[in-house]
């Protein structure tokens, strides 16, 4: 089993939770996403290196979009 743990920090606890909620619907059975304060921790386990690579790549793209949208929401509500 191949394993990756991705930790990202965000502005505050509420932002981390908002981003994690956006990410969770795309999680596969091999993924777990949780919030620890202002951090998002996602663990991915896959059978193959190629599968792990593809899943991590998809996750990072989704994370980037969710974080950008969260930043826009924060900026636009000020």
PDB file of N, CA and C in Angstrom:
ATOM      1  N   UNK A   1       0.851  -1.184   0.000  1.00  0.00           N
ATOM      2  CA  UNK A   1       0.000   0.000   0.000  1.00  0.00           C
ATOM      3  C   UNK A   1       0.889   1.237   0.000  1.00  0.00           C
ATOM      4  N   UNK A   2       0.605   2.159  -0.874  1.00  0.00           N
ATOM      5  CA  UNK A   2       1.322   3.442  -0.957  1.00  0.00           C
ATOM      6  C   UNK A   2       0.533   4.472  -0.155  1.00  0.00           C
ATOM      7  N   UNK A   3       1.244   5.399   0.478  1.00  0.00           N
ATOM      8  CA  UNK A   3       0.615   6.315   1.437  1.00  0.00           C
ATOM      9  C   UNK A   3       1.113   7.741   1.226  1.00  0.00           C
ATOM     10  N   UNK A   4       0.200   8.702   1.295  1.00  0.00           N
ATOM     11  CA  UNK A   4       0.566  10.122   1.269  1.00  0.00           C
ATOM     12  C   UNK A   4      -0.249  10.840   2.334  1.00  0.00           C
ATOM     13  N   UNK A   5       0.395  11.772   3.005  1.00  0.00           N
ATOM     14  CA  UNK A   5      -0.294  12.634   3.965  1.00  0.00           C
ATOM     15  C   UNK A   5      -0.022  14.070   3.554  1.00  0.00           C
ATOM     16  N   UNK A   6      -1.080  14.806   3.291  1.00  0.00           N
ATOM     17  CA  UNK A   6      -0.966  16.186   2.823  1.00  0.00           C
ATOM     18  C   UNK A   6      -1.527  17.092   3.909  1.00  0.00           C
ATOM     19  N   UNK A   7      -0.702  18.038   4.368  1.00  0.00           N
ATOM     20  CA  UNK A   7      -1.112  18.997   5.398  1.00  0.00           C
ATOM     21  C   UNK A   7      -0.997  20.397   4.823  1.00  0.00           C
ATOM     22  N   UNK A   8      -2.066  21.168   4.961  1.00  0.00           N
ATOM     23  CA  UNK A   8      -2.046  22.554   4.505  1.00  0.00           C
ATOM     24  C   UNK A   8      -2.594  23.443   5.613  1.00  0.00           C
ATOM     25  N   UNK A   9      -2.053  24.651   5.701  1.00  0.00           N
ATOM     26  CA  UNK A   9      -2.508  25.632   6.688  1.00  0.00           C
ATOM     27  C   UNK A   9      -3.307  26.715   5.985  1.00  0.00           C
ATOM     28  N   UNK A  10      -4.329  27.202   6.686  1.00  0.00           N
ATOM     29  CA  UNK A  10      -5.208  28.221   6.125  1.00  0.00           C
ATOM     30  C   UNK A  10      -5.392  29.327   7.148  1.00  0.00           C
ATOM     31  N   UNK A  11      -5.979  30.444   6.742  1.00  0.00           N
ATOM     32  CA  UNK A  11      -6.045  31.646   7.567  1.00  0.00           C
ATOM     33  C   UNK A  11      -6.597  31.456   8.960  1.00  0.00           C
ATOM     34  N   UNK A  12      -7.640  30.655   9.087  1.00  0.00           N
ATOM     35  CA  UNK A  12      -8.248  30.433  10.396  1.00  0.00           C
ATOM     36  C   UNK A  12      -9.026  29.122  10.366  1.00  0.00           C
ATOM     37  N   UNK A  13      -9.564  28.733  11.524  1.00  0.00           N
ATOM     38  CA  UNK A  13     -10.273  27.461  11.639  1.00  0.00           C
ATOM     39  C   UNK A  13     -11.483  27.390  10.699  1.00  0.00           C
ATOM     40  N   UNK A  14     -12.236  28.491  10.613  1.00  0.00           N
ATOM     41  CA  UNK A  14     -13.444  28.503   9.778  1.00  0.00           C
ATOM     42  C   UNK A  14     -13.101  28.331   8.301  1.00  0.00           C
ATOM     43  N   UNK A  15     -12.021  28.952   7.866  1.00  0.00           N
ATOM     44  CA  UNK A  15     -11.600  28.817   6.469  1.00  0.00           C
ATOM     45  C   UNK A  15     -11.185  27.384   6.183  1.00  0.00           C
ATOM     46  N   UNK A  16     -10.422  26.781   7.078  1.00  0.00           N
ATOM     47  CA  UNK A  16      -9.998  25.389   6.895  1.00  0.00           C
ATOM     48  C   UNK A  16     -11.213  24.470   6.816  1.00  0.00           C
ATOM     49  N   UNK A  17     -12.187  24.679   7.681  1.00  0.00           N
ATOM     50  CA  UNK A  17     -13.392  23.841   7.671  1.00  0.00           C
ATOM     51  C   UNK A  17     -14.180  24.032   6.383  1.00  0.00           C
ATOM     52  N   UNK A  18     -14.296  25.257   5.914  1.00  0.00           N
ATOM     53  CA  UNK A  18     -15.022  25.547   4.668  1.00  0.00           C
ATOM     54  C   UNK A  18     -14.348  24.852   3.476  1.00  0.00           C
ATOM     55  N   UNK A  19     -13.036  24.923   3.416  1.00  0.00           N
ATOM     56  CA  UNK A  19     -12.303  24.284   2.317  1.00  0.00           C
ATOM     57  C   UNK A  19     -12.436  22.765   2.410  1.00  0.00           C
ATOM     58  N   UNK A  20     -12.297  22.215   3.605  1.00  0.00           N
ATOM     59  CA  UNK A  20     -12.417  20.760   3.786  1.00  0.00           C
ATOM     60  C   UNK A  20     -13.803  20.270   3.373  1.00  0.00           C
ATOM     61  N   UNK A  21     -14.837  21.026   3.708  1.00  0.00           N
ATOM     62  CA  UNK A  21     -16.203  20.644   3.301  1.00  0.00           C
ATOM     63  C   UNK A  21     -16.326  20.614   1.780  1.00  0.00           C
ATOM     64  N   UNK A  22     -15.642  21.510   1.112  1.00  0.00           N
ATOM     65  CA  UNK A  22     -15.673  21.527  -0.353  1.00  0.00           C
ATOM     66  C   UNK A  22     -14.921  20.334  -0.941  1.00  0.00           C
ATOM     67  N   UNK A  23     -13.898  19.864  -0.248  1.00  0.00           N
ATOM     68  CA  UNK A  23     -13.072  18.767  -0.757  1.00  0.00           C
ATOM     69  C   UNK A  23     -13.685  17.389  -0.516  1.00  0.00           C
ATOM     70  N   UNK A  24     -14.336  17.198   0.607  1.00  0.00           N
ATOM     71  CA  UNK A  24     -14.790  15.864   1.016  1.00  0.00           C
ATOM     72  C   UNK A  24     -15.679  15.139   0.007  1.00  0.00           C
ATOM     73  N   UNK A  25     -16.580  15.803  -0.704  1.00  0.00           N
ATOM     74  CA  UNK A  25     -17.415  15.055  -1.655  1.00  0.00           C
ATOM     75  C   UNK A  25     -16.615  14.340  -2.747  1.00  0.00           C
ATOM     76  N   UNK A  26     -15.416  14.825  -3.051  1.00  0.00           N
ATOM     77  CA  UNK A  26     -14.590  14.197  -4.084  1.00  0.00           C
ATOM     78  C   UNK A  26     -13.675  13.110  -3.534  1.00  0.00           C
ATOM     79  N   UNK A  27     -13.658  12.923  -2.215  1.00  0.00           N
ATOM     80  CA  UNK A  27     -12.807  11.885  -1.638  1.00  0.00           C
ATOM     81  C   UNK A  27     -13.267  10.505  -2.091  1.00  0.00           C
ATOM     82  N   UNK A  28     -12.298   9.650  -2.374  1.00  0.00           N
ATOM     83  CA  UNK A  28     -12.589   8.253  -2.666  1.00  0.00           C
ATOM     84  C   UNK A  28     -12.537   7.479  -1.353  1.00  0.00           C
ATOM     85  N   UNK A  29     -12.839   6.182  -1.407  1.00  0.00           N
ATOM     86  CA  UNK A  29     -12.785   5.352  -0.203  1.00  0.00           C
ATOM     87  C   UNK A  29     -11.381   5.283   0.387  1.00  0.00           C
ATOM     88  N   UNK A  30     -10.376   5.558  -0.427  1.00  0.00           N
ATOM     89  CA  UNK A  30      -8.984   5.490   0.026  1.00  0.00           C
ATOM     90  C   UNK A  30      -8.503   6.795   0.644  1.00  0.00           C
ATOM     91  N   UNK A  31      -9.397   7.764   0.830  1.00  0.00           N
ATOM     92  CA  UNK A  31      -9.002   9.093   1.313  1.00  0.00           C
ATOM     93  C   UNK A  31      -9.743   9.444   2.596  1.00  0.00           C
ATOM     94  N   UNK A  32      -9.056  10.195   3.453  1.00  0.00           N
ATOM     95  CA  UNK A  32      -9.676  10.739   4.659  1.00  0.00           C
ATOM     96  C   UNK A  32      -9.206  12.177   4.822  1.00  0.00           C
ATOM     97  N   UNK A  33     -10.143  13.099   4.966  1.00  0.00           N
ATOM     98  CA  UNK A  33      -9.816  14.512   5.155  1.00  0.00           C
ATOM     99  C   UNK A  33     -10.386  14.959   6.485  1.00  0.00           C
ATOM    100  N   UNK A  34      -9.535  15.598   7.300  1.00  0.00           N
ATOM    101  CA  UNK A  34      -9.992  16.119   8.584  1.00  0.00           C
ATOM    102  C   UNK A  34      -9.400  17.508   8.806  1.00  0.00           C
ATOM    103  N   UNK A  35      -9.981  18.235   9.737  1.00  0.00           N
ATOM    104  CA  UNK A  35      -9.517  19.575  10.081  1.00  0.00           C
ATOM    105  C   UNK A  35      -8.929  19.528  11.482  1.00  0.00           C
ATOM    106  N   UNK A  36      -7.752  20.124  11.628  1.00  0.00           N
ATOM    107  CA  UNK A  36      -7.091  20.269  12.924  1.00  0.00           C
ATOM    108  C   UNK A  36      -6.790  21.752  13.104  1.00  0.00           C
ATOM    109  N   UNK A  37      -7.716  22.479  13.710  1.00  0.00           N
ATOM    110  CA  UNK A  37      -7.536  23.923  13.852  1.00  0.00           C
ATOM    111  C   UNK A  37      -7.619  24.592  12.498  1.00  0.00           C
ATOM    112  N   UNK A  38      -6.555  25.313  12.133  1.00  0.00           N
ATOM    113  CA  UNK A  38      -6.550  25.981  10.824  1.00  0.00           C
ATOM    114  C   UNK A  38      -5.864  25.132   9.753  1.00  0.00           C
ATOM    115  N   UNK A  39      -5.656  23.860  10.036  1.00  0.00           N
ATOM    116  CA  UNK A  39      -4.990  22.952   9.090  1.00  0.00           C
ATOM    117  C   UNK A  39      -5.954  21.905   8.556  1.00  0.00           C
ATOM    118  N   UNK A  40      -5.736  21.553   7.303  1.00  0.00           N
ATOM    119  CA  UNK A  40      -6.448  20.432   6.696  1.00  0.00           C
ATOM    120  C   UNK A  40      -5.437  19.308   6.529  1.00  0.00           C
ATOM    121  N   UNK A  41      -5.816  18.122   6.978  1.00  0.00           N
ATOM    122  CA  UNK A  41      -4.963  16.942   6.851  1.00  0.00           C
ATOM    123  C   UNK A  41      -5.722  15.920   6.012  1.00  0.00           C
ATOM    124  N   UNK A  42      -5.118  15.519   4.911  1.00  0.00           N
ATOM    125  CA  UNK A  42      -5.719  14.496   4.057  1.00  0.00           C
ATOM    126  C   UNK A  42      -4.745  13.342   3.922  1.00  0.00           C
ATOM    127  N   UNK A  43      -5.250  12.147   4.167  1.00  0.00           N
ATOM    128  CA  UNK A  43      -4.451  10.929   4.045  1.00  0.00           C
ATOM    129  C   UNK A  43      -5.006  10.125   2.875  1.00  0.00           C
ATOM    130  N   UNK A  44      -4.094   9.696   2.023  1.00  0.00           N
ATOM    131  CA  UNK A  44      -4.468   8.929   0.834  1.00  0.00           C
ATOM    132  C   UNK A  44      -3.670   7.634   0.833  1.00  0.00           C
ATOM    133  N   UNK A  45      -4.358   6.512   0.692  1.00  0.00           N
ATOM    134  CA  UNK A  45      -3.720   5.201   0.566  1.00  0.00           C
ATOM    135  C   UNK A  45      -4.185   4.568  -0.737  1.00  0.00           C
ATOM    136  N   UNK A  46      -3.235   4.156  -1.559  1.00  0.00           N
ATOM    137  CA  UNK A  46      -3.556   3.506  -2.833  1.00  0.00           C
ATOM    138  C   UNK A  46      -2.644   2.304  -3.017  1.00  0.00           C
ATOM    139  N   UNK A  47      -3.092   1.370  -3.805  1.00  0.00           N
ATOM    140  CA  UNK A  47      -2.331   0.142  -4.043  1.00  0.00           C
ATOM    141  C   UNK A  47      -1.079   0.376  -4.880  1.00  0.00           C
ATOM    142  N   UNK A  48      -1.151   1.303  -5.834  1.00  0.00           N
ATOM    143  CA  UNK A  48      -0.030   1.494  -6.753  1.00  0.00           C
ATOM    144  C   UNK A  48       0.508   2.916  -6.672  1.00  0.00           C
ATOM    145  N   UNK A  49       1.757   3.069  -7.061  1.00  0.00           N
ATOM    146  CA  UNK A  49       2.364   4.398  -7.106  1.00  0.00           C
ATOM    147  C   UNK A  49       1.641   5.278  -8.118  1.00  0.00           C
ATOM    148  N   UNK A  50       1.290   4.721  -9.263  1.00  0.00           N
ATOM    149  CA  UNK A  50       0.570   5.485 -10.278  1.00  0.00           C
ATOM    150  C   UNK A  50      -0.790   5.955  -9.779  1.00  0.00           C
ATOM    151  N   UNK A  51      -1.491   5.074  -9.077  1.00  0.00           N
ATOM    152  CA  UNK A  51      -2.787   5.443  -8.509  1.00  0.00           C
ATOM    153  C   UNK A  51      -2.649   6.527  -7.456  1.00  0.00           C
ATOM    154  N   UNK A  52      -1.612   6.411  -6.629  1.00  0.00           N
ATOM    155  CA  UNK A  52      -1.360   7.426  -5.606  1.00  0.00           C
ATOM    156  C   UNK A  52      -1.044   8.766  -6.260  1.00  0.00           C
ATOM    157  N   UNK A  53      -0.207   8.730  -7.272  1.00  0.00           N
ATOM    158  CA  UNK A  53       0.163   9.957  -7.982  1.00  0.00           C
ATOM    159  C   UNK A  53      -1.068  10.641  -8.571  1.00  0.00           C
ATOM    160  N   UNK A  54      -1.921   9.870  -9.227  1.00  0.00           N
ATOM    161  CA  UNK A  54      -3.117  10.440  -9.855  1.00  0.00           C
ATOM    162  C   UNK A  54      -4.065  11.027  -8.811  1.00  0.00           C
ATOM    163  N   UNK A  55      -4.230  10.325  -7.696  1.00  0.00           N
ATOM    164  CA  UNK A  55      -5.139  10.800  -6.651  1.00  0.00           C
ATOM    165  C   UNK A  55      -4.602  12.056  -5.986  1.00  0.00           C
ATOM    166  N   UNK A  56      -3.304  12.081  -5.695  1.00  0.00           N
ATOM    167  CA  UNK A  56      -2.700  13.275  -5.096  1.00  0.00           C
ATOM    168  C   UNK A  56      -2.814  14.449  -6.061  1.00  0.00           C
ATOM    169  N   UNK A  57      -2.547  14.212  -7.327  1.00  0.00           N
ATOM    170  CA  UNK A  57      -2.647  15.281  -8.326  1.00  0.00           C
ATOM    171  C   UNK A  57      -4.065  15.853  -8.371  1.00  0.00           C
ATOM    172  N   UNK A  58      -5.063  14.989  -8.424  1.00  0.00           N
ATOM    173  CA  UNK A  58      -6.457  15.450  -8.435  1.00  0.00           C
ATOM    174  C   UNK A  58      -6.781  16.230  -7.164  1.00  0.00           C
ATOM    175  N   UNK A  59      -6.326  15.726  -6.030  1.00  0.00           N
ATOM    176  CA  UNK A  59      -6.597  16.387  -4.754  1.00  0.00           C
ATOM    177  C   UNK A  59      -5.988  17.790  -4.721  1.00  0.00           C
ATOM    178  N   UNK A  60      -4.750  17.913  -5.169  1.00  0.00           N
ATOM    179  CA  UNK A  60      -4.080  19.219  -5.137  1.00  0.00           C
ATOM    180  C   UNK A  60      -4.805  20.222  -6.039  1.00  0.00           C
ATOM    181  N   UNK A  61      -5.262  19.784  -7.193  1.00  0.00           N
ATOM    182  CA  UNK A  61      -6.032  20.674  -8.071  1.00  0.00           C
ATOM    183  C   UNK A  61      -7.319  21.108  -7.368  1.00  0.00           C
ATOM    184  N   UNK A  62      -8.041  20.157  -6.778  1.00  0.00           N
ATOM    185  CA  UNK A  62      -9.281  20.489  -6.071  1.00  0.00           C
ATOM    186  C   UNK A  62      -9.019  21.413  -4.886  1.00  0.00           C
ATOM    187  N   UNK A  63      -7.948  21.155  -4.156  1.00  0.00           N
ATOM    188  CA  UNK A  63      -7.579  21.992  -3.016  1.00  0.00           C
ATOM    189  C   UNK A  63      -7.277  23.416  -3.463  1.00  0.00           C
ATOM    190  N   UNK A  64      -6.542  23.550  -4.541  1.00  0.00           N
ATOM    191  CA  UNK A  64      -6.185  24.873  -5.058  1.00  0.00           C
ATOM    192  C   UNK A  64      -7.434  25.669  -5.429  1.00  0.00           C
ATOM    193  N   UNK A  65      -8.348  25.029  -6.127  1.00  0.00           N
ATOM    194  CA  UNK A  65      -9.587  25.709  -6.525  1.00  0.00           C
ATOM    195  C   UNK A  65     -10.414  26.079  -5.295  1.00  0.00           C
ATOM    196  N   UNK A  66     -10.569  25.153  -4.360  1.00  0.00           N
ATOM    197  CA  UNK A  66     -11.360  25.430  -3.155  1.00  0.00           C
ATOM    198  C   UNK A  66     -10.753  26.571  -2.348  1.00  0.00           C
ATOM    199  N   UNK A  67      -9.432  26.597  -2.231  1.00  0.00           N
ATOM    200  CA  UNK A  67      -8.768  27.670  -1.484  1.00  0.00           C
ATOM    201  C   UNK A  67      -8.941  29.009  -2.192  1.00  0.00           C
ATOM    202  N   UNK A  68      -8.822  29.013  -3.517  1.00  0.00           N
ATOM    203  CA  UNK A  68      -9.014  30.258  -4.267  1.00  0.00           C
ATOM    204  C   UNK A  68     -10.438  30.774  -4.119  1.00  0.00           C
ATOM    205  N   UNK A  69     -11.411  29.887  -4.201  1.00  0.00           N
ATOM    206  CA  UNK A  69     -12.805  30.302  -4.042  1.00  0.00           C
ATOM    207  C   UNK A  69     -13.074  30.783  -2.622  1.00  0.00           C
ATOM    208  N   UNK A  70     -12.462  30.146  -1.660  1.00  0.00           N
ATOM    209  CA  UNK A  70     -12.622  30.574  -0.268  1.00  0.00           C
ATOM    210  C   UNK A  70     -12.039  31.964  -0.067  1.00  0.00           C
ATOM    211  N   UNK A  71     -10.881  32.219  -0.679  1.00  0.00           N
ATOM    212  CA  UNK A  71     -10.271  33.549  -0.600  1.00  0.00           C
ATOM    213  C   UNK A  71     -11.173  34.593  -1.244  1.00  0.00           C
ATOM    214  N   UNK A  72     -11.773  34.255  -2.377  1.00  0.00           N
ATOM    215  CA  UNK A  72     -12.678  35.191  -3.052  1.00  0.00           C
ATOM    216  C   UNK A  72     -13.892  35.476  -2.182  1.00  0.00           C
ATOM    217  N   UNK A  73     -14.428  34.431  -1.540  1.00  0.00           N
ATOM    218  CA  UNK A  73     -15.593  34.614  -0.684  1.00  0.00           C
ATOM    219  C   UNK A  73     -15.247  35.534   0.477  1.00  0.00           C
ATOM    220  N   UNK A  74     -14.091  35.321   1.091  1.00  0.00           N
ATOM    221  CA  UNK A  74     -13.662  36.153   2.209  1.00  0.00           C
ATOM    222  C   UNK A  74     -13.462  37.594   1.753  1.00  0.00           C
ATOM    223  N   UNK A  75     -12.827  37.771   0.610  1.00  0.00           N
ATOM    224  CA  UNK A  75     -12.561  39.106   0.082  1.00  0.00           C
ATOM    225  C   UNK A  75     -13.858  39.819  -0.293  1.00  0.00           C
ATOM    226  N   UNK A  76     -14.773  39.104  -0.913  1.00  0.00           N
ATOM    227  CA  UNK A  76     -16.009  39.724  -1.388  1.00  0.00           C
ATOM    228  C   UNK A  76     -17.010  40.026  -0.280  1.00  0.00           C
ATOM    229  N   UNK A  77     -16.864  39.410   0.882  1.00  0.00           N
ATOM    230  CA  UNK A  77     -17.818  39.663   1.958  1.00  0.00           C
ATOM    231  C   UNK A  77     -17.338  40.736   2.913  1.00  0.00           C
ATOM    232  N   UNK A  78     -16.166  41.286   2.671  1.00  0.00           N
ATOM    233  CA  UNK A  78     -15.634  42.322   3.563  1.00  0.00           C
ATOM    234  C   UNK A  78     -16.286  43.655   3.311  1.00  0.00           C
TER     235      UNK A  78
END
